[in-house]
Amino acid sequence: MGAFLAGMLDAGKELDEIPHEELECLFQMANACGTLPTAKPGGISALPTKEKLLTFMSLTFGTSSKTGVR
């Protein structure tokens, strides 16, 4: 949820102003952010940085490593 909200803040738009493609990317980011901590022990320390999240998304979904957008 936090990654989704952070993505919305980065977009600088209201929810109803975000195009479907960008929303899909935000959902992928939120899912990836929830997935990555399961690969490491720890709670907060296992949460990915934005850089690690975007790298993971680039390798997994083929998205831009800078924006998370395909």
N, C-alpha and C. Protein backbone atom coordinates (compact mmCIF):
# COMPACT_ATOMS: atom_id res chain seq x y z
N MET A 1 0.82 -1.19 0.00
CA MET A 1 0.00 0.00 0.00
C MET A 1 0.86 1.26 0.00
N GLY A 2 1.94 1.22 0.80
CA GLY A 2 2.81 2.38 0.87
C GLY A 2 3.49 2.69 -0.46
N ALA A 3 3.90 1.64 -1.18
CA ALA A 3 4.55 1.85 -2.49
C ALA A 3 3.56 2.43 -3.49
N PHE A 4 2.32 1.99 -3.42
CA PHE A 4 1.29 2.51 -4.32
C PHE A 4 1.06 4.00 -4.04
N LEU A 5 0.93 4.35 -2.77
CA LEU A 5 0.71 5.75 -2.40
C LEU A 5 1.92 6.62 -2.75
N ALA A 6 3.13 6.08 -2.55
CA ALA A 6 4.34 6.83 -2.93
C ALA A 6 4.36 7.07 -4.44
N GLY A 7 3.95 6.08 -5.21
CA GLY A 7 3.88 6.23 -6.66
C GLY A 7 2.87 7.28 -7.07
N MET A 8 1.74 7.32 -6.37
CA MET A 8 0.73 8.34 -6.67
C MET A 8 1.28 9.73 -6.38
N LEU A 9 2.00 9.86 -5.27
CA LEU A 9 2.59 11.16 -4.93
C LEU A 9 3.64 11.56 -5.96
N ASP A 10 4.44 10.59 -6.42
CA ASP A 10 5.44 10.88 -7.45
C ASP A 10 4.77 11.32 -8.75
N ALA A 11 3.61 10.74 -9.07
CA ALA A 11 2.89 11.09 -10.30
C ALA A 11 2.36 12.52 -10.22
N GLY A 12 2.08 12.99 -9.02
CA GLY A 12 1.57 14.34 -8.84
C GLY A 12 0.18 14.56 -9.41
N LYS A 13 -0.61 13.50 -9.45
CA LYS A 13 -1.96 13.58 -10.01
C LYS A 13 -2.97 12.97 -9.04
N GLU A 14 -4.22 13.36 -9.22
CA GLU A 14 -5.31 12.73 -8.48
C GLU A 14 -5.52 11.33 -9.08
N LEU A 15 -6.09 10.43 -8.30
CA LEU A 15 -6.30 9.06 -8.75
C LEU A 15 -7.07 8.99 -10.06
N ASP A 16 -8.10 9.80 -10.21
CA ASP A 16 -8.91 9.75 -11.44
C ASP A 16 -8.22 10.41 -12.63
N GLU A 17 -7.06 11.04 -12.42
CA GLU A 17 -6.30 11.65 -13.51
C GLU A 17 -5.18 10.74 -14.03
N ILE A 18 -4.92 9.65 -13.33
CA ILE A 18 -3.83 8.76 -13.72
C ILE A 18 -4.33 7.80 -14.79
N PRO A 19 -3.67 7.75 -15.95
CA PRO A 19 -4.08 6.84 -17.02
C PRO A 19 -3.97 5.37 -16.58
N HIS A 20 -4.76 4.53 -17.21
CA HIS A 20 -4.80 3.10 -16.88
C HIS A 20 -3.40 2.47 -16.89
N GLU A 21 -2.59 2.81 -17.89
CA GLU A 21 -1.25 2.22 -18.01
C GLU A 21 -0.37 2.59 -16.81
N GLU A 22 -0.49 3.83 -16.35
CA GLU A 22 0.29 4.25 -15.19
C GLU A 22 -0.21 3.57 -13.92
N LEU A 23 -1.53 3.40 -13.81
CA LEU A 23 -2.08 2.69 -12.65
C LEU A 23 -1.57 1.26 -12.62
N GLU A 24 -1.53 0.62 -13.78
CA GLU A 24 -1.03 -0.75 -13.85
C GLU A 24 0.41 -0.81 -13.34
N CYS A 25 1.20 0.17 -13.73
CA CYS A 25 2.59 0.24 -13.29
C CYS A 25 2.67 0.45 -11.77
N LEU A 26 1.80 1.31 -11.25
CA LEU A 26 1.78 1.54 -9.80
C LEU A 26 1.44 0.26 -9.04
N PHE A 27 0.49 -0.51 -9.57
CA PHE A 27 0.13 -1.78 -8.94
C PHE A 27 1.29 -2.77 -9.01
N GLN A 28 2.00 -2.79 -10.14
CA GLN A 28 3.17 -3.67 -10.26
C GLN A 28 4.25 -3.26 -9.27
N MET A 29 4.46 -1.95 -9.11
CA MET A 29 5.44 -1.47 -8.15
C MET A 29 5.06 -1.89 -6.73
N ALA A 30 3.80 -1.75 -6.40
CA ALA A 30 3.34 -2.12 -5.06
C ALA A 30 3.52 -3.62 -4.83
N ASN A 31 3.20 -4.43 -5.84
CA ASN A 31 3.37 -5.88 -5.71
C ASN A 31 4.84 -6.24 -5.58
N ALA A 32 5.68 -5.61 -6.39
CA ALA A 32 7.12 -5.89 -6.32
C ALA A 32 7.68 -5.48 -4.97
N CYS A 33 7.22 -4.37 -4.45
CA CYS A 33 7.70 -3.88 -3.16
C CYS A 33 7.29 -4.85 -2.03
N GLY A 34 6.16 -5.49 -2.20
CA GLY A 34 5.73 -6.50 -1.23
C GLY A 34 6.43 -7.83 -1.40
N THR A 35 6.88 -8.11 -2.63
CA THR A 35 7.54 -9.37 -2.93
C THR A 35 8.99 -9.40 -2.46
N LEU A 36 9.72 -8.34 -2.69
CA LEU A 36 11.16 -8.32 -2.41
C LEU A 36 11.52 -8.62 -0.95
N PRO A 37 10.79 -8.12 0.03
CA PRO A 37 11.17 -8.42 1.42
C PRO A 37 11.06 -9.90 1.78
N THR A 38 10.31 -10.68 1.03
CA THR A 38 10.18 -12.10 1.36
C THR A 38 11.46 -12.87 1.03
N ALA A 39 12.37 -12.26 0.27
CA ALA A 39 13.62 -12.92 -0.11
C ALA A 39 14.74 -12.68 0.90
N LYS A 40 14.49 -11.83 1.92
CA LYS A 40 15.50 -11.49 2.91
C LYS A 40 14.93 -11.61 4.31
N PRO A 41 15.76 -11.96 5.27
CA PRO A 41 15.26 -11.93 6.65
C PRO A 41 15.17 -10.48 7.14
N GLY A 42 14.33 -10.27 8.10
CA GLY A 42 14.20 -8.94 8.69
C GLY A 42 12.87 -8.31 8.35
N GLY A 43 12.54 -7.28 9.03
CA GLY A 43 11.28 -6.57 8.78
C GLY A 43 11.56 -5.35 7.94
N ILE A 44 11.71 -4.23 8.58
CA ILE A 44 11.95 -2.97 7.89
C ILE A 44 13.25 -3.04 7.09
N SER A 45 14.26 -3.70 7.62
CA SER A 45 15.55 -3.76 6.92
C SER A 45 15.46 -4.53 5.60
N ALA A 46 14.42 -5.34 5.42
CA ALA A 46 14.25 -6.10 4.18
C ALA A 46 13.52 -5.32 3.10
N LEU A 47 12.95 -4.16 3.45
CA LEU A 47 12.24 -3.36 2.45
C LEU A 47 13.23 -2.83 1.42
N PRO A 48 12.86 -2.86 0.13
CA PRO A 48 13.79 -2.41 -0.91
C PRO A 48 13.87 -0.89 -0.99
N THR A 49 15.03 -0.42 -1.44
CA THR A 49 15.16 0.99 -1.78
C THR A 49 14.46 1.20 -3.13
N LYS A 50 14.22 2.44 -3.49
CA LYS A 50 13.59 2.71 -4.78
C LYS A 50 14.47 2.19 -5.92
N GLU A 51 15.78 2.35 -5.78
CA GLU A 51 16.71 1.87 -6.81
C GLU A 51 16.60 0.35 -6.98
N LYS A 52 16.58 -0.39 -5.87
CA LYS A 52 16.46 -1.85 -5.95
C LYS A 52 15.11 -2.25 -6.52
N LEU A 53 14.07 -1.52 -6.15
CA LEU A 53 12.73 -1.81 -6.66
C LEU A 53 12.68 -1.62 -8.17
N LEU A 54 13.22 -0.51 -8.68
CA LEU A 54 13.18 -0.25 -10.11
C LEU A 54 14.06 -1.23 -10.89
N THR A 55 15.19 -1.64 -10.31
CA THR A 55 16.02 -2.65 -10.95
C THR A 55 15.28 -3.97 -11.04
N PHE A 56 14.64 -4.38 -9.96
CA PHE A 56 13.85 -5.61 -9.95
C PHE A 56 12.74 -5.55 -11.00
N MET A 57 12.06 -4.42 -11.07
CA MET A 57 10.97 -4.28 -12.04
C MET A 57 11.50 -4.32 -13.47
N SER A 58 12.66 -3.74 -13.69
CA SER A 58 13.25 -3.76 -15.03
C SER A 58 13.56 -5.18 -15.45
N LEU A 59 14.12 -5.95 -14.54
CA LEU A 59 14.47 -7.34 -14.85
C LEU A 59 13.24 -8.24 -14.96
N THR A 60 12.23 -7.97 -14.14
CA THR A 60 11.05 -8.83 -14.09
C THR A 60 9.99 -8.47 -15.11
N PHE A 61 9.71 -7.18 -15.24
CA PHE A 61 8.60 -6.74 -16.09
C PHE A 61 9.06 -6.06 -17.37
N GLY A 62 10.35 -5.80 -17.51
CA GLY A 62 10.86 -5.12 -18.69
C GLY A 62 10.49 -3.64 -18.70
N THR A 63 10.42 -3.03 -17.53
CA THR A 63 10.07 -1.62 -17.42
C THR A 63 11.32 -0.76 -17.40
N SER A 64 11.12 0.53 -17.59
CA SER A 64 12.22 1.48 -17.52
C SER A 64 12.81 1.45 -16.12
N SER A 65 14.12 1.41 -16.02
CA SER A 65 14.74 1.36 -14.71
C SER A 65 14.68 2.69 -13.98
N LYS A 66 14.26 3.77 -14.66
CA LYS A 66 14.19 5.08 -14.01
C LYS A 66 12.77 5.43 -13.57
N THR A 67 11.77 4.94 -14.29
CA THR A 67 10.41 5.38 -13.99
C THR A 67 9.48 4.25 -13.59
N GLY A 68 9.84 3.02 -13.91
CA GLY A 68 8.94 1.91 -13.65
C GLY A 68 7.92 1.72 -14.75
N VAL A 69 7.97 2.57 -15.79
CA VAL A 69 6.99 2.50 -16.89
C VAL A 69 7.57 1.70 -18.04
N ARG A 70 6.72 0.90 -18.67
CA ARG A 70 7.16 0.12 -19.83
C ARG A 70 7.44 0.99 -21.01
